[in-house]
């Protein structure tokens, strides 16, 4: 009684049921036109001045901005820093230094290993 399931029948029935569920509910579950995260990224970038520094915290905003900049080529002039990532030494070394005008408030100390003076 405790052996492996019988071959053939159980897998074929499960596959048929999966396809039936997909066919019956595809329209309700289709996310191919979901552009909420894309629009969220646009909203955060579009009104910034040229060469702005955007300091963010969280995966959704970081990844939406990163996607728009790297994949779509939108607003490459904006530099964005994720506050959560700034705590890692590897990030500090790899990240370009923020503009010096914004570093006087202490951002350079947290985000850039190069001293201001």
PDB file of N, CA and C in Angstrom:
ATOM      1  N   UNK A   1       0.795  -1.211   0.000  1.00  0.00           N
ATOM      2  CA  UNK A   1       0.000   0.000   0.000  1.00  0.00           C
ATOM      3  C   UNK A   1       0.839   1.278   0.000  1.00  0.00           C
ATOM      4  N   UNK A   2       2.027   1.262   0.615  1.00  0.00           N
ATOM      5  CA  UNK A   2       2.827   2.471   0.746  1.00  0.00           C
ATOM      6  C   UNK A   2       3.837   2.653  -0.367  1.00  0.00           C
ATOM      7  N   UNK A   3       3.750   1.917  -1.466  1.00  0.00           N
ATOM      8  CA  UNK A   3       4.721   1.994  -2.548  1.00  0.00           C
ATOM      9  C   UNK A   3       4.535   3.224  -3.415  1.00  0.00           C
ATOM     10  N   UNK A   4       5.323   3.331  -4.469  1.00  0.00           N
ATOM     11  CA  UNK A   4       5.227   4.476  -5.381  1.00  0.00           C
ATOM     12  C   UNK A   4       3.891   4.485  -6.122  1.00  0.00           C
ATOM     13  N   UNK A   5       3.463   5.634  -6.598  1.00  0.00           N
ATOM     14  CA  UNK A   5       2.196   5.699  -7.340  1.00  0.00           C
ATOM     15  C   UNK A   5       2.292   4.919  -8.639  1.00  0.00           C
ATOM     16  N   UNK A   6       1.167   4.426  -9.118  1.00  0.00           N
ATOM     17  CA  UNK A   6       1.173   3.678 -10.372  1.00  0.00           C
ATOM     18  C   UNK A   6       1.625   4.560 -11.533  1.00  0.00           C
ATOM     19  N   UNK A   7       2.328   3.969 -12.479  1.00  0.00           N
ATOM     20  CA  UNK A   7       2.847   4.714 -13.629  1.00  0.00           C
ATOM     21  C   UNK A   7       1.730   5.021 -14.622  1.00  0.00           C
ATOM     22  N   UNK A   8       1.846   6.160 -15.283  1.00  0.00           N
ATOM     23  CA  UNK A   8       0.950   6.482 -16.397  1.00  0.00           C
ATOM     24  C   UNK A   8      -0.298   7.222 -15.977  1.00  0.00           C
ATOM     25  N   UNK A   9      -1.250   6.557 -15.405  1.00  0.00           N
ATOM     26  CA  UNK A   9      -2.577   7.115 -15.155  1.00  0.00           C
ATOM     27  C   UNK A   9      -2.584   8.374 -14.306  1.00  0.00           C
ATOM     28  N   UNK A  10      -1.907   8.361 -13.157  1.00  0.00           N
ATOM     29  CA  UNK A  10      -1.941   9.510 -12.245  1.00  0.00           C
ATOM     30  C   UNK A  10      -1.297  10.739 -12.881  1.00  0.00           C
ATOM     31  N   UNK A  11      -0.137  10.565 -13.541  1.00  0.00           N
ATOM     32  CA  UNK A  11       0.525  11.705 -14.155  1.00  0.00           C
ATOM     33  C   UNK A  11      -0.279  12.277 -15.314  1.00  0.00           C
ATOM     34  N   UNK A  12      -0.882  11.425 -16.121  1.00  0.00           N
ATOM     35  CA  UNK A  12      -1.675  11.902 -17.255  1.00  0.00           C
ATOM     36  C   UNK A  12      -2.906  12.653 -16.785  1.00  0.00           C
ATOM     37  N   UNK A  13      -3.576  12.185 -15.735  1.00  0.00           N
ATOM     38  CA  UNK A  13      -4.760  12.869 -15.212  1.00  0.00           C
ATOM     39  C   UNK A  13      -4.375  14.224 -14.632  1.00  0.00           C
ATOM     40  N   UNK A  14      -3.256  14.292 -13.933  1.00  0.00           N
ATOM     41  CA  UNK A  14      -2.800  15.542 -13.355  1.00  0.00           C
ATOM     42  C   UNK A  14      -2.457  16.543 -14.457  1.00  0.00           C
ATOM     43  N   UNK A  15      -1.791  16.104 -15.498  1.00  0.00           N
ATOM     44  CA  UNK A  15      -1.452  16.974 -16.612  1.00  0.00           C
ATOM     45  C   UNK A  15      -2.714  17.488 -17.296  1.00  0.00           C
ATOM     46  N   UNK A  16      -3.676  16.633 -17.490  1.00  0.00           N
ATOM     47  CA  UNK A  16      -4.943  17.043 -18.112  1.00  0.00           C
ATOM     48  C   UNK A  16      -5.643  18.090 -17.240  1.00  0.00           C
ATOM     49  N   UNK A  17      -5.650  17.878 -15.925  1.00  0.00           N
ATOM     50  CA  UNK A  17      -6.290  18.835 -15.011  1.00  0.00           C
ATOM     51  C   UNK A  17      -5.559  20.182 -15.020  1.00  0.00           C
ATOM     52  N   UNK A  18      -4.245  20.139 -15.051  1.00  0.00           N
ATOM     53  CA  UNK A  18      -3.489  21.388 -15.102  1.00  0.00           C
ATOM     54  C   UNK A  18      -3.831  22.185 -16.351  1.00  0.00           C
ATOM     55  N   UNK A  19      -3.852  21.514 -17.504  1.00  0.00           N
ATOM     56  CA  UNK A  19      -4.195  22.204 -18.750  1.00  0.00           C
ATOM     57  C   UNK A  19      -5.619  22.735 -18.724  1.00  0.00           C
ATOM     58  N   UNK A  20      -6.525  21.981 -18.122  1.00  0.00           N
ATOM     59  CA  UNK A  20      -7.919  22.426 -18.030  1.00  0.00           C
ATOM     60  C   UNK A  20      -8.019  23.691 -17.169  1.00  0.00           C
ATOM     61  N   UNK A  21      -7.307  23.722 -16.031  1.00  0.00           N
ATOM     62  CA  UNK A  21      -7.313  24.904 -15.172  1.00  0.00           C
ATOM     63  C   UNK A  21      -6.724  26.121 -15.897  1.00  0.00           C
ATOM     64  N   UNK A  22      -5.641  25.888 -16.597  1.00  0.00           N
ATOM     65  CA  UNK A  22      -5.022  26.964 -17.356  1.00  0.00           C
ATOM     66  C   UNK A  22      -5.980  27.508 -18.407  1.00  0.00           C
ATOM     67  N   UNK A  23      -6.607  26.638 -19.129  1.00  0.00           N
ATOM     68  CA  UNK A  23      -7.534  27.054 -20.191  1.00  0.00           C
ATOM     69  C   UNK A  23      -8.748  27.778 -19.605  1.00  0.00           C
ATOM     70  N   UNK A  24      -9.287  27.271 -18.500  1.00  0.00           N
ATOM     71  CA  UNK A  24     -10.483  27.863 -17.906  1.00  0.00           C
ATOM     72  C   UNK A  24     -10.227  29.227 -17.251  1.00  0.00           C
ATOM     73  N   UNK A  25      -9.042  29.413 -16.673  1.00  0.00           N
ATOM     74  CA  UNK A  25      -8.800  30.604 -15.861  1.00  0.00           C
ATOM     75  C   UNK A  25      -7.729  31.536 -16.411  1.00  0.00           C
ATOM     76  N   UNK A  26      -7.266  31.307 -17.616  1.00  0.00           N
ATOM     77  CA  UNK A  26      -6.163  32.104 -18.154  1.00  0.00           C
ATOM     78  C   UNK A  26      -6.504  33.592 -18.206  1.00  0.00           C
ATOM     79  N   UNK A  27      -7.694  33.940 -18.672  1.00  0.00           N
ATOM     80  CA  UNK A  27      -8.060  35.355 -18.812  1.00  0.00           C
ATOM     81  C   UNK A  27      -8.025  36.088 -17.471  1.00  0.00           C
ATOM     82  N   UNK A  28      -8.424  35.417 -16.399  1.00  0.00           N
ATOM     83  CA  UNK A  28      -8.426  36.052 -15.080  1.00  0.00           C
ATOM     84  C   UNK A  28      -7.027  36.177 -14.496  1.00  0.00           C
ATOM     85  N   UNK A  29      -6.137  35.288 -14.866  1.00  0.00           N
ATOM     86  CA  UNK A  29      -4.808  35.249 -14.267  1.00  0.00           C
ATOM     87  C   UNK A  29      -3.711  35.839 -15.161  1.00  0.00           C
ATOM     88  N   UNK A  30      -4.033  36.222 -16.363  1.00  0.00           N
ATOM     89  CA  UNK A  30      -3.048  36.747 -17.309  1.00  0.00           C
ATOM     90  C   UNK A  30      -2.503  38.089 -16.807  1.00  0.00           C
ATOM     91  N   UNK A  31      -1.196  38.163 -16.583  1.00  0.00           N
ATOM     92  CA  UNK A  31      -0.548  39.381 -16.100  1.00  0.00           C
ATOM     93  C   UNK A  31       0.332  40.032 -17.170  1.00  0.00           C
ATOM     94  N   UNK A  32       0.167  39.618 -18.429  1.00  0.00           N
ATOM     95  CA  UNK A  32       1.037  40.129 -19.491  1.00  0.00           C
ATOM     96  C   UNK A  32       0.850  41.627 -19.745  1.00  0.00           C
ATOM     97  N   UNK A  33      -0.270  42.179 -19.349  1.00  0.00           N
ATOM     98  CA  UNK A  33      -0.501  43.619 -19.547  1.00  0.00           C
ATOM     99  C   UNK A  33      -0.387  44.401 -18.236  1.00  0.00           C
ATOM    100  N   UNK A  34       0.123  43.767 -17.214  1.00  0.00           N
ATOM    101  CA  UNK A  34       0.291  44.415 -15.919  1.00  0.00           C
ATOM    102  C   UNK A  34       1.511  45.336 -15.982  1.00  0.00           C
ATOM    103  N   UNK A  35       1.275  46.619 -15.890  1.00  0.00           N
ATOM    104  CA  UNK A  35       2.374  47.574 -15.994  1.00  0.00           C
ATOM    105  C   UNK A  35       2.468  48.470 -14.761  1.00  0.00           C
ATOM    106  N   UNK A  36       1.992  47.989 -13.630  1.00  0.00           N
ATOM    107  CA  UNK A  36       2.004  48.794 -12.415  1.00  0.00           C
ATOM    108  C   UNK A  36       3.426  49.136 -11.962  1.00  0.00           C
ATOM    109  N   UNK A  37       4.314  48.156 -11.961  1.00  0.00           N
ATOM    110  CA  UNK A  37       5.680  48.397 -11.507  1.00  0.00           C
ATOM    111  C   UNK A  37       6.420  49.291 -12.501  1.00  0.00           C
ATOM    112  N   UNK A  38       6.183  49.092 -13.791  1.00  0.00           N
ATOM    113  CA  UNK A  38       6.774  49.939 -14.825  1.00  0.00           C
ATOM    114  C   UNK A  38       6.349  51.397 -14.615  1.00  0.00           C
ATOM    115  N   UNK A  39       5.057  51.604 -14.418  1.00  0.00           N
ATOM    116  CA  UNK A  39       4.543  52.963 -14.205  1.00  0.00           C
ATOM    117  C   UNK A  39       5.053  53.563 -12.896  1.00  0.00           C
ATOM    118  N   UNK A  40       5.226  52.731 -11.886  1.00  0.00           N
ATOM    119  CA  UNK A  40       5.772  53.193 -10.605  1.00  0.00           C
ATOM    120  C   UNK A  40       7.191  53.713 -10.795  1.00  0.00           C
ATOM    121  N   UNK A  41       7.989  52.992 -11.566  1.00  0.00           N
ATOM    122  CA  UNK A  41       9.339  53.451 -11.865  1.00  0.00           C
ATOM    123  C   UNK A  41       9.336  54.753 -12.639  1.00  0.00           C
ATOM    124  N   UNK A  42       8.458  54.859 -13.643  1.00  0.00           N
ATOM    125  CA  UNK A  42       8.337  56.105 -14.417  1.00  0.00           C
ATOM    126  C   UNK A  42       7.967  57.277 -13.519  1.00  0.00           C
ATOM    127  N   UNK A  43       7.015  57.041 -12.635  1.00  0.00           N
ATOM    128  CA  UNK A  43       6.549  58.087 -11.737  1.00  0.00           C
ATOM    129  C   UNK A  43       7.692  58.613 -10.864  1.00  0.00           C
ATOM    130  N   UNK A  44       8.578  57.729 -10.450  1.00  0.00           N
ATOM    131  CA  UNK A  44       9.685  58.139  -9.593  1.00  0.00           C
ATOM    132  C   UNK A  44      10.799  58.836 -10.357  1.00  0.00           C
ATOM    133  N   UNK A  45      10.925  58.600 -11.640  1.00  0.00           N
ATOM    134  CA  UNK A  45      12.014  59.183 -12.424  1.00  0.00           C
ATOM    135  C   UNK A  45      11.625  60.418 -13.224  1.00  0.00           C
ATOM    136  N   UNK A  46      10.410  60.485 -13.716  1.00  0.00           N
ATOM    137  CA  UNK A  46      10.075  61.472 -14.736  1.00  0.00           C
ATOM    138  C   UNK A  46      10.164  62.926 -14.289  1.00  0.00           C
ATOM    139  N   UNK A  47       9.904  63.243 -13.052  1.00  0.00           N
ATOM    140  CA  UNK A  47       9.892  64.643 -12.637  1.00  0.00           C
ATOM    141  C   UNK A  47      11.173  65.093 -11.945  1.00  0.00           C
ATOM    142  N   UNK A  48      12.171  64.234 -11.913  1.00  0.00           N
ATOM    143  CA  UNK A  48      13.436  64.602 -11.287  1.00  0.00           C
ATOM    144  C   UNK A  48      14.223  65.551 -12.190  1.00  0.00           C
ATOM    145  N   UNK A  49      14.986  66.475 -11.601  1.00  0.00           N
ATOM    146  CA  UNK A  49      15.833  67.349 -12.426  1.00  0.00           C
ATOM    147  C   UNK A  49      16.980  66.558 -13.038  1.00  0.00           C
ATOM    148  N   UNK A  50      17.621  67.138 -14.022  1.00  0.00           N
ATOM    149  CA  UNK A  50      18.770  66.484 -14.662  1.00  0.00           C
ATOM    150  C   UNK A  50      19.850  66.182 -13.641  1.00  0.00           C
ATOM    151  N   UNK A  51      20.507  65.045 -13.818  1.00  0.00           N
ATOM    152  CA  UNK A  51      21.624  64.615 -12.969  1.00  0.00           C
ATOM    153  C   UNK A  51      21.254  64.520 -11.491  1.00  0.00           C
ATOM    154  N   UNK A  52      20.040  64.128 -11.208  1.00  0.00           N
ATOM    155  CA  UNK A  52      19.569  64.024  -9.825  1.00  0.00           C
ATOM    156  C   UNK A  52      20.132  62.781  -9.147  1.00  0.00           C
ATOM    157  N   UNK A  53      20.133  62.817  -7.839  1.00  0.00           N
ATOM    158  CA  UNK A  53      20.481  61.665  -7.019  1.00  0.00           C
ATOM    159  C   UNK A  53      19.204  61.213  -6.326  1.00  0.00           C
ATOM    160  N   UNK A  54      18.759  60.013  -6.605  1.00  0.00           N
ATOM    161  CA  UNK A  54      17.540  59.458  -6.032  1.00  0.00           C
ATOM    162  C   UNK A  54      17.932  58.424  -4.987  1.00  0.00           C
ATOM    163  N   UNK A  55      17.598  58.683  -3.734  1.00  0.00           N
ATOM    164  CA  UNK A  55      17.898  57.748  -2.655  1.00  0.00           C
ATOM    165  C   UNK A  55      16.608  57.025  -2.317  1.00  0.00           C
ATOM    166  N   UNK A  56      16.637  55.708  -2.458  1.00  0.00           N
ATOM    167  CA  UNK A  56      15.439  54.893  -2.292  1.00  0.00           C
ATOM    168  C   UNK A  56      15.693  53.809  -1.258  1.00  0.00           C
ATOM    169  N   UNK A  57      14.621  53.115  -0.885  1.00  0.00           N
ATOM    170  CA  UNK A  57      14.754  51.968   0.006  1.00  0.00           C
ATOM    171  C   UNK A  57      13.677  50.959  -0.364  1.00  0.00           C
ATOM    172  N   UNK A  58      14.112  49.806  -0.823  1.00  0.00           N
ATOM    173  CA  UNK A  58      13.175  48.740  -1.137  1.00  0.00           C
ATOM    174  C   UNK A  58      13.389  48.154  -2.513  1.00  0.00           C
ATOM    175  N   UNK A  59      12.991  46.900  -2.647  1.00  0.00           N
ATOM    176  CA  UNK A  59      13.199  46.168  -3.888  1.00  0.00           C
ATOM    177  C   UNK A  59      12.374  46.695  -5.050  1.00  0.00           C
ATOM    178  N   UNK A  60      11.118  47.027  -4.810  1.00  0.00           N
ATOM    179  CA  UNK A  60      10.234  47.405  -5.922  1.00  0.00           C
ATOM    180  C   UNK A  60      10.727  48.688  -6.584  1.00  0.00           C
ATOM    181  N   UNK A  61      11.011  49.702  -5.803  1.00  0.00           N
ATOM    182  CA  UNK A  61      11.464  50.957  -6.407  1.00  0.00           C
ATOM    183  C   UNK A  61      12.857  50.798  -7.009  1.00  0.00           C
ATOM    184  N   UNK A  62      13.757  50.091  -6.323  1.00  0.00           N
ATOM    185  CA  UNK A  62      15.104  49.891  -6.855  1.00  0.00           C
ATOM    186  C   UNK A  62      15.060  49.154  -8.181  1.00  0.00           C
ATOM    187  N   UNK A  63      14.325  48.062  -8.238  1.00  0.00           N
ATOM    188  CA  UNK A  63      14.293  47.256  -9.460  1.00  0.00           C
ATOM    189  C   UNK A  63      13.515  47.931 -10.585  1.00  0.00           C
ATOM    190  N   UNK A  64      12.471  48.691 -10.263  1.00  0.00           N
ATOM    191  CA  UNK A  64      11.740  49.386 -11.324  1.00  0.00           C
ATOM    192  C   UNK A  64      12.605  50.479 -11.949  1.00  0.00           C
ATOM    193  N   UNK A  65      13.337  51.210 -11.119  1.00  0.00           N
ATOM    194  CA  UNK A  65      14.237  52.246 -11.631  1.00  0.00           C
ATOM    195  C   UNK A  65      15.382  51.604 -12.411  1.00  0.00           C
ATOM    196  N   UNK A  66      15.956  50.550 -11.862  1.00  0.00           N
ATOM    197  CA  UNK A  66      17.075  49.869 -12.534  1.00  0.00           C
ATOM    198  C   UNK A  66      16.630  49.333 -13.899  1.00  0.00           C
ATOM    199  N   UNK A  67      15.441  48.738 -13.974  1.00  0.00           N
ATOM    200  CA  UNK A  67      14.942  48.219 -15.250  1.00  0.00           C
ATOM    201  C   UNK A  67      14.806  49.349 -16.268  1.00  0.00           C
ATOM    202  N   UNK A  68      14.165  50.437 -15.871  1.00  0.00           N
ATOM    203  CA  UNK A  68      13.950  51.538 -16.810  1.00  0.00           C
ATOM    204  C   UNK A  68      15.270  52.123 -17.305  1.00  0.00           C
ATOM    205  N   UNK A  69      16.235  52.238 -16.423  1.00  0.00           N
ATOM    206  CA  UNK A  69      17.512  52.830 -16.824  1.00  0.00           C
ATOM    207  C   UNK A  69      18.332  51.877 -17.690  1.00  0.00           C
ATOM    208  N   UNK A  70      18.452  50.645 -17.285  1.00  0.00           N
ATOM    209  CA  UNK A  70      19.343  49.722 -17.994  1.00  0.00           C
ATOM    210  C   UNK A  70      18.718  49.070 -19.214  1.00  0.00           C
ATOM    211  N   UNK A  71      17.441  48.757 -19.143  1.00  0.00           N
ATOM    212  CA  UNK A  71      16.792  48.049 -20.258  1.00  0.00           C
ATOM    213  C   UNK A  71      16.105  48.986 -21.234  1.00  0.00           C
ATOM    214  N   UNK A  72      15.491  50.038 -20.726  1.00  0.00           N
ATOM    215  CA  UNK A  72      14.755  50.970 -21.583  1.00  0.00           C
ATOM    216  C   UNK A  72      15.587  52.202 -21.943  1.00  0.00           C
ATOM    217  N   UNK A  73      16.703  52.416 -21.244  1.00  0.00           N
ATOM    218  CA  UNK A  73      17.537  53.590 -21.513  1.00  0.00           C
ATOM    219  C   UNK A  73      16.904  54.890 -21.062  1.00  0.00           C
ATOM    220  N   UNK A  74      15.977  54.820 -20.120  1.00  0.00           N
ATOM    221  CA  UNK A  74      15.247  56.001 -19.654  1.00  0.00           C
ATOM    222  C   UNK A  74      15.971  56.646 -18.473  1.00  0.00           C
ATOM    223  N   UNK A  75      16.237  57.915 -18.554  1.00  0.00           N
ATOM    224  CA  UNK A  75      16.853  58.724 -17.508  1.00  0.00           C
ATOM    225  C   UNK A  75      18.162  58.147 -16.976  1.00  0.00           C
ATOM    226  N   UNK A  76      19.119  57.887 -17.869  1.00  0.00           N
ATOM    227  CA  UNK A  76      20.408  57.382 -17.386  1.00  0.00           C
ATOM    228  C   UNK A  76      21.199  58.433 -16.599  1.00  0.00           C
ATOM    229  N   UNK A  77      20.764  59.696 -16.678  1.00  0.00           N
ATOM    230  CA  UNK A  77      21.438  60.768 -15.942  1.00  0.00           C
ATOM    231  C   UNK A  77      21.168  60.711 -14.437  1.00  0.00           C
ATOM    232  N   UNK A  78      20.105  60.037 -14.042  1.00  0.00           N
ATOM    233  CA  UNK A  78      19.748  59.954 -12.621  1.00  0.00           C
ATOM    234  C   UNK A  78      20.539  58.831 -11.968  1.00  0.00           C
ATOM    235  N   UNK A  79      21.178  59.160 -10.867  1.00  0.00           N
ATOM    236  CA  UNK A  79      21.873  58.131 -10.101  1.00  0.00           C
ATOM    237  C   UNK A  79      20.973  57.744  -8.941  1.00  0.00           C
ATOM    238  N   UNK A  80      20.770  56.443  -8.758  1.00  0.00           N
ATOM    239  CA  UNK A  80      19.945  56.037  -7.621  1.00  0.00           C
ATOM    240  C   UNK A  80      20.738  55.141  -6.689  1.00  0.00           C
ATOM    241  N   UNK A  81      20.506  55.361  -5.415  1.00  0.00           N
ATOM    242  CA  UNK A  81      21.160  54.599  -4.363  1.00  0.00           C
ATOM    243  C   UNK A  81      20.076  53.977  -3.484  1.00  0.00           C
ATOM    244  N   UNK A  82      20.225  52.705  -3.199  1.00  0.00           N
ATOM    245  CA  UNK A  82      19.303  52.027  -2.290  1.00  0.00           C
ATOM    246  C   UNK A  82      19.919  52.066  -0.896  1.00  0.00           C
ATOM    247  N   UNK A  83      19.200  52.642   0.058  1.00  0.00           N
ATOM    248  CA  UNK A  83      19.711  52.774   1.417  1.00  0.00           C
ATOM    249  C   UNK A  83      20.078  51.425   2.025  1.00  0.00           C
ATOM    250  N   UNK A  84      19.310  50.401   1.732  1.00  0.00           N
ATOM    251  CA  UNK A  84      19.600  49.081   2.278  1.00  0.00           C
ATOM    252  C   UNK A  84      20.919  48.545   1.743  1.00  0.00           C
ATOM    253  N   UNK A  85      21.187  48.779   0.458  1.00  0.00           N
ATOM    254  CA  UNK A  85      22.414  48.288  -0.163  1.00  0.00           C
ATOM    255  C   UNK A  85      23.636  49.072   0.297  1.00  0.00           C
ATOM    256  N   UNK A  86      23.442  50.316   0.704  1.00  0.00           N
ATOM    257  CA  UNK A  86      24.565  51.165   1.107  1.00  0.00           C
ATOM    258  C   UNK A  86      25.258  50.661   2.367  1.00  0.00           C
ATOM    259  N   UNK A  87      24.659  49.729   3.067  1.00  0.00           N
ATOM    260  CA  UNK A  87      25.268  49.195   4.283  1.00  0.00           C
ATOM    261  C   UNK A  87      26.296  48.106   3.994  1.00  0.00           C
ATOM    262  N   UNK A  88      26.361  47.629   2.751  1.00  0.00           N
ATOM    263  CA  UNK A  88      27.301  46.563   2.390  1.00  0.00           C
ATOM    264  C   UNK A  88      28.593  47.158   1.825  1.00  0.00           C
ATOM    265  N   UNK A  89      29.718  46.654   2.302  1.00  0.00           N
ATOM    266  CA  UNK A  89      31.010  47.164   1.869  1.00  0.00           C
ATOM    267  C   UNK A  89      31.220  46.988   0.365  1.00  0.00           C
ATOM    268  N   UNK A  90      30.783  45.852  -0.205  1.00  0.00           N
ATOM    269  CA  UNK A  90      30.959  45.608  -1.638  1.00  0.00           C
ATOM    270  C   UNK A  90      30.188  46.639  -2.464  1.00  0.00           C
ATOM    271  N   UNK A  91      29.051  47.090  -1.958  1.00  0.00           N
ATOM    272  CA  UNK A  91      28.260  48.089  -2.687  1.00  0.00           C
ATOM    273  C   UNK A  91      28.970  49.435  -2.665  1.00  0.00           C
ATOM    274  N   UNK A  92      29.506  49.793  -1.528  1.00  0.00           N
ATOM    275  CA  UNK A  92      30.207  51.062  -1.386  1.00  0.00           C
ATOM    276  C   UNK A  92      31.366  51.136  -2.378  1.00  0.00           C
ATOM    277  N   UNK A  93      32.099  50.027  -2.529  1.00  0.00           N
ATOM    278  CA  UNK A  93      33.253  50.013  -3.436  1.00  0.00           C
ATOM    279  C   UNK A  93      32.839  50.074  -4.896  1.00  0.00           C
ATOM    280  N   UNK A  94      31.716  49.459  -5.251  1.00  0.00           N
ATOM    281  CA  UNK A  94      31.287  49.401  -6.657  1.00  0.00           C
ATOM    282  C   UNK A  94      30.489  50.618  -7.097  1.00  0.00           C
ATOM    283  N   UNK A  95      29.831  51.280  -6.168  1.00  0.00           N
ATOM    284  CA  UNK A  95      28.945  52.385  -6.517  1.00  0.00           C
ATOM    285  C   UNK A  95      29.740  53.635  -6.863  1.00  0.00           C
ATOM    286  N   UNK A  96      29.352  54.310  -7.927  1.00  0.00           N
ATOM    287  CA  UNK A  96      29.982  55.595  -8.270  1.00  0.00           C
ATOM    288  C   UNK A  96      29.641  56.608  -7.185  1.00  0.00           C
ATOM    289  N   UNK A  97      30.529  57.547  -6.969  1.00  0.00           N
ATOM    290  CA  UNK A  97      30.320  58.553  -5.938  1.00  0.00           C
ATOM    291  C   UNK A  97      29.204  59.510  -6.333  1.00  0.00           C
ATOM    292  N   UNK A  98      28.360  59.880  -5.381  1.00  0.00           N
ATOM    293  CA  UNK A  98      27.308  60.862  -5.673  1.00  0.00           C
ATOM    294  C   UNK A  98      27.914  62.223  -5.990  1.00  0.00           C
ATOM    295  N   UNK A  99      27.163  63.094  -6.608  1.00  0.00           N
ATOM    296  CA  UNK A  99      27.655  64.443  -6.912  1.00  0.00           C
ATOM    297  C   UNK A  99      28.144  65.142  -5.641  1.00  0.00           C
ATOM    298  N   UNK A 100      29.234  65.891  -5.748  1.00  0.00           N
ATOM    299  CA  UNK A 100      29.854  66.487  -4.564  1.00  0.00           C
ATOM    300  C   UNK A 100      28.934  67.487  -3.867  1.00  0.00           C
ATOM    301  N   UNK A 101      28.045  68.131  -4.609  1.00  0.00           N
ATOM    302  CA  UNK A 101      27.162  69.111  -3.971  1.00  0.00           C
ATOM    303  C   UNK A 101      26.226  68.435  -2.965  1.00  0.00           C
ATOM    304  N   UNK A 102      25.908  67.161  -3.189  1.00  0.00           N
ATOM    305  CA  UNK A 102      25.037  66.462  -2.255  1.00  0.00           C
ATOM    306  C   UNK A 102      25.830  65.747  -1.170  1.00  0.00           C
ATOM    307  N   UNK A 103      27.117  65.639  -1.342  1.00  0.00           N
ATOM    308  CA  UNK A 103      27.931  64.898  -0.385  1.00  0.00           C
ATOM    309  C   UNK A 103      28.253  65.705   0.857  1.00  0.00           C
ATOM    310  N   UNK A 104      28.078  66.998   0.811  1.00  0.00           N
ATOM    311  CA  UNK A 104      28.421  67.816   1.962  1.00  0.00           C
ATOM    312  C   UNK A 104      27.500  67.525   3.144  1.00  0.00           C
ATOM    313  N   UNK A 105      26.340  66.950   2.888  1.00  0.00           N
ATOM    314  CA  UNK A 105      25.412  66.604   3.970  1.00  0.00           C
ATOM    315  C   UNK A 105      25.683  65.256   4.584  1.00  0.00           C
ATOM    316  N   UNK A 106      26.776  64.606   4.225  1.00  0.00           N
ATOM    317  CA  UNK A 106      27.129  63.333   4.843  1.00  0.00           C
ATOM    318  C   UNK A 106      26.879  62.134   3.965  1.00  0.00           C
ATOM    319  N   UNK A 107      26.277  62.322   2.795  1.00  0.00           N
ATOM    320  CA  UNK A 107      26.009  61.184   1.920  1.00  0.00           C
ATOM    321  C   UNK A 107      27.314  60.567   1.449  1.00  0.00           C
ATOM    322  N   UNK A 108      28.319  61.369   1.155  1.00  0.00           N
ATOM    323  CA  UNK A 108      29.595  60.844   0.662  1.00  0.00           C
ATOM    324  C   UNK A 108      30.205  59.892   1.682  1.00  0.00           C
ATOM    325  N   UNK A 109      30.137  60.220   2.950  1.00  0.00           N
ATOM    326  CA  UNK A 109      30.696  59.359   3.977  1.00  0.00           C
ATOM    327  C   UNK A 109      30.055  57.970   3.955  1.00  0.00           C
ATOM    328  N   UNK A 110      28.769  57.910   3.682  1.00  0.00           N
ATOM    329  CA  UNK A 110      28.059  56.636   3.694  1.00  0.00           C
ATOM    330  C   UNK A 110      28.189  55.893   2.371  1.00  0.00           C
ATOM    331  N   UNK A 111      28.316  56.620   1.270  1.00  0.00           N
ATOM    332  CA  UNK A 111      28.222  55.967  -0.031  1.00  0.00           C
ATOM    333  C   UNK A 111      29.507  55.950  -0.832  1.00  0.00           C
ATOM    334  N   UNK A 112      30.535  56.683  -0.433  1.00  0.00           N
ATOM    335  CA  UNK A 112      31.709  56.792  -1.275  1.00  0.00           C
ATOM    336  C   UNK A 112      32.988  56.721  -0.444  1.00  0.00           C
ATOM    337  N   UNK A 113      33.903  55.846  -0.824  1.00  0.00           N
ATOM    338  CA  UNK A 113      35.135  55.725  -0.049  1.00  0.00           C
ATOM    339  C   UNK A 113      36.129  56.863  -0.287  1.00  0.00           C
ATOM    340  N   UNK A 114      35.845  57.737  -1.242  1.00  0.00           N
ATOM    341  CA  UNK A 114      36.759  58.835  -1.545  1.00  0.00           C
ATOM    342  C   UNK A 114      36.450  60.014  -0.629  1.00  0.00           C
ATOM    343  N   UNK A 115      37.452  60.590  -0.031  1.00  0.00           N
ATOM    344  CA  UNK A 115      37.215  61.710   0.882  1.00  0.00           C
ATOM    345  C   UNK A 115      36.898  62.981   0.109  1.00  0.00           C
ATOM    346  N   UNK A 116      36.243  63.925   0.761  1.00  0.00           N
ATOM    347  CA  UNK A 116      35.821  65.175   0.114  1.00  0.00           C
ATOM    348  C   UNK A 116      36.921  66.206   0.092  1.00  0.00           C
ATOM    349  N   UNK A 117      37.959  66.084   0.841  1.00  0.00           N
ATOM    350  CA  UNK A 117      38.885  67.190   0.827  1.00  0.00           C
ATOM    351  C   UNK A 117      40.238  66.811   1.195  1.00  0.00           C
TER     352      UNK A 117
END
